[in-house]
Amino acid sequence: MAHPMLRAIEDDGRAVDDPSEEVLHDLLADMNLRHRFVILERLDLEPVDQHYMQVYLNDDMSYQVEYREGSADKHFQAHVPRPHEMIGPAPVAKVMIDWAYDRGGWREAMPWVQIAV
């Protein structure tokens, strides 16, 4: 059996190996103030545990999104406000799915700021 390339981890510790696009979207859609985050790890890159994207749901229902590409100097975050008309995690889900499947455009989709080292 092949080793998983992706692993999604929910706030309660449940892990899903190689989640489909639909499963990733559903994990993000299920977030609430008691179930605040989803982490998606790339298991096929070194160093292990240093290639990930995570989404955190803030008290005001906005999102904090982070990604890391192997080292502290390649760790970025973006704040995604939640306008009243926005339903569900669509913009955040698209970025996470595009990142997971190495599709272009996800870097330009958000105002990424480097996290201080």
C-alpha atoms as a PDB file:
ATOM      1  CA  MET A   1       0.000   0.000   0.000  1.00  0.00           C
ATOM      2  CA  ALA A   2       1.302   3.453  -0.887  1.00  0.00           C
ATOM      3  CA  HIS A   3       2.063   5.968   1.825  1.00  0.00           C
ATOM      4  CA  PRO A   4      -0.322   8.929   2.034  1.00  0.00           C
ATOM      5  CA  MET A   5       0.838  12.222   0.534  1.00  0.00           C
ATOM      6  CA  LEU A   6      -1.599  14.418   2.492  1.00  0.00           C
ATOM      7  CA  ARG A   7      -3.039  14.245   5.976  1.00  0.00           C
ATOM      8  CA  ALA A   8      -5.846  16.450   7.284  1.00  0.00           C
ATOM      9  CA  ILE A   9      -6.054  16.815  11.056  1.00  0.00           C
ATOM     10  CA  GLU A  10      -9.111  18.239  12.776  1.00  0.00           C
ATOM     11  CA  ASP A  11      -9.337  20.080  16.080  1.00  0.00           C
ATOM     12  CA  ASP A  12     -10.425  16.896  17.878  1.00  0.00           C
ATOM     13  CA  GLY A  13      -7.364  14.997  16.607  1.00  0.00           C
ATOM     14  CA  ARG A  14      -9.126  12.954  13.929  1.00  0.00           C
ATOM     15  CA  ALA A  15      -6.875  12.459  10.913  1.00  0.00           C
ATOM     16  CA  VAL A  16      -7.883  11.773   7.314  1.00  0.00           C
ATOM     17  CA  ASP A  17      -5.212  10.493   4.925  1.00  0.00           C
ATOM     18  CA  ASP A  18      -5.275  11.690   1.309  1.00  0.00           C
ATOM     19  CA  PRO A  19      -8.574  13.564   1.637  1.00  0.00           C
ATOM     20  CA  SER A  20     -10.431  14.314  -1.584  1.00  0.00           C
ATOM     21  CA  GLU A  21     -11.335  17.891  -2.535  1.00  0.00           C
ATOM     22  CA  GLU A  22     -14.863  17.255  -1.289  1.00  0.00           C
ATOM     23  CA  VAL A  23     -13.633  15.928   2.063  1.00  0.00           C
ATOM     24  CA  LEU A  24     -11.312  18.932   2.522  1.00  0.00           C
ATOM     25  CA  HIS A  25     -14.180  21.309   1.808  1.00  0.00           C
ATOM     26  CA  ASP A  26     -16.424  19.430   4.231  1.00  0.00           C
ATOM     27  CA  LEU A  27     -13.791  19.516   6.995  1.00  0.00           C
ATOM     28  CA  LEU A  28     -13.565  23.298   6.652  1.00  0.00           C
ATOM     29  CA  ALA A  29     -17.346  23.675   6.425  1.00  0.00           C
ATOM     30  CA  ASP A  30     -17.716  21.727   9.688  1.00  0.00           C
ATOM     31  CA  MET A  31     -15.549  24.176  11.644  1.00  0.00           C
ATOM     32  CA  ASN A  32     -17.303  26.125  14.399  1.00  0.00           C
ATOM     33  CA  LEU A  33     -16.401  27.875  17.652  1.00  0.00           C
ATOM     34  CA  ARG A  34     -15.914  24.507  19.373  1.00  0.00           C
ATOM     35  CA  HIS A  35     -14.134  22.912  16.428  1.00  0.00           C
ATOM     36  CA  ARG A  36     -11.810  25.711  15.343  1.00  0.00           C
ATOM     37  CA  PHE A  37      -9.077  24.386  13.090  1.00  0.00           C
ATOM     38  CA  VAL A  38      -8.008  22.077  10.293  1.00  0.00           C
ATOM     39  CA  ILE A  39      -4.371  21.362   9.463  1.00  0.00           C
ATOM     40  CA  LEU A  40      -3.360  19.853   6.144  1.00  0.00           C
ATOM     41  CA  GLU A  41       0.130  18.354   6.048  1.00  0.00           C
ATOM     42  CA  ARG A  42       2.223  17.380   3.022  1.00  0.00           C
ATOM     43  CA  LEU A  43       3.774  14.050   3.973  1.00  0.00           C
ATOM     44  CA  ASP A  44       5.832  13.698   0.813  1.00  0.00           C
ATOM     45  CA  LEU A  45       8.174  16.633   1.524  1.00  0.00           C
ATOM     46  CA  GLU A  46      11.145  17.017   3.859  1.00  0.00           C
ATOM     47  CA  PRO A  47      11.552  18.009   6.602  1.00  0.00           C
ATOM     48  CA  VAL A  48       8.571  16.079   7.895  1.00  0.00           C
ATOM     49  CA  ASP A  49       5.947  18.172   9.750  1.00  0.00           C
ATOM     50  CA  GLN A  50       7.233  21.409   8.205  1.00  0.00           C
ATOM     51  CA  HIS A  51       5.070  21.570   5.063  1.00  0.00           C
ATOM     52  CA  TYR A  52       1.489  22.391   5.949  1.00  0.00           C
ATOM     53  CA  MET A  53      -1.454  24.722   5.605  1.00  0.00           C
ATOM     54  CA  GLN A  54      -3.788  25.374   8.479  1.00  0.00           C
ATOM     55  CA  VAL A  55      -7.037  27.264   8.917  1.00  0.00           C
ATOM     56  CA  TYR A  56      -8.245  28.664  12.250  1.00  0.00           C
ATOM     57  CA  LEU A  57     -11.738  30.046  12.856  1.00  0.00           C
ATOM     58  CA  ASN A  58     -11.631  33.250  14.930  1.00  0.00           C
ATOM     59  CA  ASP A  59     -14.333  34.375  17.383  1.00  0.00           C
ATOM     60  CA  ASP A  60     -15.720  36.830  14.807  1.00  0.00           C
ATOM     61  CA  MET A  61     -16.027  33.958  12.280  1.00  0.00           C
ATOM     62  CA  SER A  62     -13.129  35.273  10.197  1.00  0.00           C
ATOM     63  CA  TYR A  63     -10.308  32.912   9.270  1.00  0.00           C
ATOM     64  CA  GLN A  64      -6.594  32.899  10.020  1.00  0.00           C
ATOM     65  CA  VAL A  65      -4.800  30.897   7.336  1.00  0.00           C
ATOM     66  CA  GLU A  66      -1.143  29.862   7.544  1.00  0.00           C
ATOM     67  CA  TYR A  67       1.212  27.888   5.397  1.00  0.00           C
ATOM     68  CA  ARG A  68       4.769  26.755   5.949  1.00  0.00           C
ATOM     69  CA  GLU A  69       7.239  25.452   3.398  1.00  0.00           C
ATOM     70  CA  GLY A  70       9.949  23.694   5.364  1.00  0.00           C
ATOM     71  CA  SER A  71      11.569  26.395   7.478  1.00  0.00           C
ATOM     72  CA  ALA A  72      10.677  29.273   9.775  1.00  0.00           C
ATOM     73  CA  ASP A  73      11.585  31.871   7.134  1.00  0.00           C
ATOM     74  CA  LYS A  74       8.990  30.311   4.818  1.00  0.00           C
ATOM     75  CA  HIS A  75       6.038  30.600   7.198  1.00  0.00           C
ATOM     76  CA  PHE A  76       3.214  32.943   6.159  1.00  0.00           C
ATOM     77  CA  GLN A  77      -0.245  33.929   7.303  1.00  0.00           C
ATOM     78  CA  ALA A  78      -3.295  35.729   5.965  1.00  0.00           C
ATOM     79  CA  HIS A  79      -6.442  37.003   7.623  1.00  0.00           C
ATOM     80  CA  VAL A  80      -9.678  36.347   5.750  1.00  0.00           C
ATOM     81  CA  PRO A  81     -12.597  38.459   6.967  1.00  0.00           C
ATOM     82  CA  ARG A  82     -15.992  36.854   6.860  1.00  0.00           C
ATOM     83  CA  PRO A  83     -18.437  39.232   5.198  1.00  0.00           C
ATOM     84  CA  HIS A  84     -22.086  38.797   6.081  1.00  0.00           C
ATOM     85  CA  GLU A  85     -22.964  37.573   2.595  1.00  0.00           C
ATOM     86  CA  MET A  86     -20.297  34.865   2.557  1.00  0.00           C
ATOM     87  CA  ILE A  87     -21.735  31.430   3.156  1.00  0.00           C
ATOM     88  CA  GLY A  88     -19.324  28.671   4.032  1.00  0.00           C
ATOM     89  CA  PRO A  89     -15.579  28.439   3.668  1.00  0.00           C
ATOM     90  CA  ALA A  90     -15.431  28.648  -0.158  1.00  0.00           C
ATOM     91  CA  PRO A  91     -12.474  31.086  -0.539  1.00  0.00           C
ATOM     92  CA  VAL A  92     -10.427  29.362   2.152  1.00  0.00           C
ATOM     93  CA  ALA A  93     -11.287  25.895   0.839  1.00  0.00           C
ATOM     94  CA  LYS A  94     -10.211  26.823  -2.687  1.00  0.00           C
ATOM     95  CA  VAL A  95      -6.811  28.048  -1.460  1.00  0.00           C
ATOM     96  CA  MET A  96      -6.247  24.928   0.653  1.00  0.00           C
ATOM     97  CA  ILE A  97      -7.318  22.585  -2.145  1.00  0.00           C
ATOM     98  CA  ASP A  98      -5.144  24.385  -4.703  1.00  0.00           C
ATOM     99  CA  TRP A  99      -2.180  24.220  -2.293  1.00  0.00           C
ATOM    100  CA  ALA A 100      -2.773  20.511  -1.640  1.00  0.00           C
ATOM    101  CA  TYR A 101      -2.872  19.605  -5.309  1.00  0.00           C
ATOM    102  CA  ASP A 102      -0.046  21.934  -6.447  1.00  0.00           C
ATOM    103  CA  ARG A 103      -2.307  24.139  -8.533  1.00  0.00           C
ATOM    104  CA  GLY A 104      -1.318  27.667  -9.406  1.00  0.00           C
ATOM    105  CA  GLY A 105      -2.936  30.817  -8.067  1.00  0.00           C
ATOM    106  CA  TRP A 106      -3.247  30.059  -4.378  1.00  0.00           C
ATOM    107  CA  ARG A 107      -0.336  32.345  -3.421  1.00  0.00           C
ATOM    108  CA  GLU A 108      -1.959  35.287  -5.170  1.00  0.00           C
ATOM    109  CA  ALA A 109      -5.405  34.568  -3.711  1.00  0.00           C
ATOM    110  CA  MET A 110      -4.610  35.951  -0.253  1.00  0.00           C
ATOM    111  CA  PRO A 111      -2.568  38.795   1.254  1.00  0.00           C
ATOM    112  CA  TRP A 112       0.168  36.600   2.764  1.00  0.00           C
ATOM    113  CA  VAL A 113       2.449  38.142   5.381  1.00  0.00           C
ATOM    114  CA  GLN A 114       5.599  36.437   6.617  1.00  0.00           C
ATOM    115  CA  ILE A 115       5.449  35.372  10.254  1.00  0.00           C
ATOM    116  CA  ALA A 116       8.369  36.895  12.136  1.00  0.00           C
ATOM    117  CA  VAL A 117      11.215  34.496  12.747  1.00  0.00           C
END
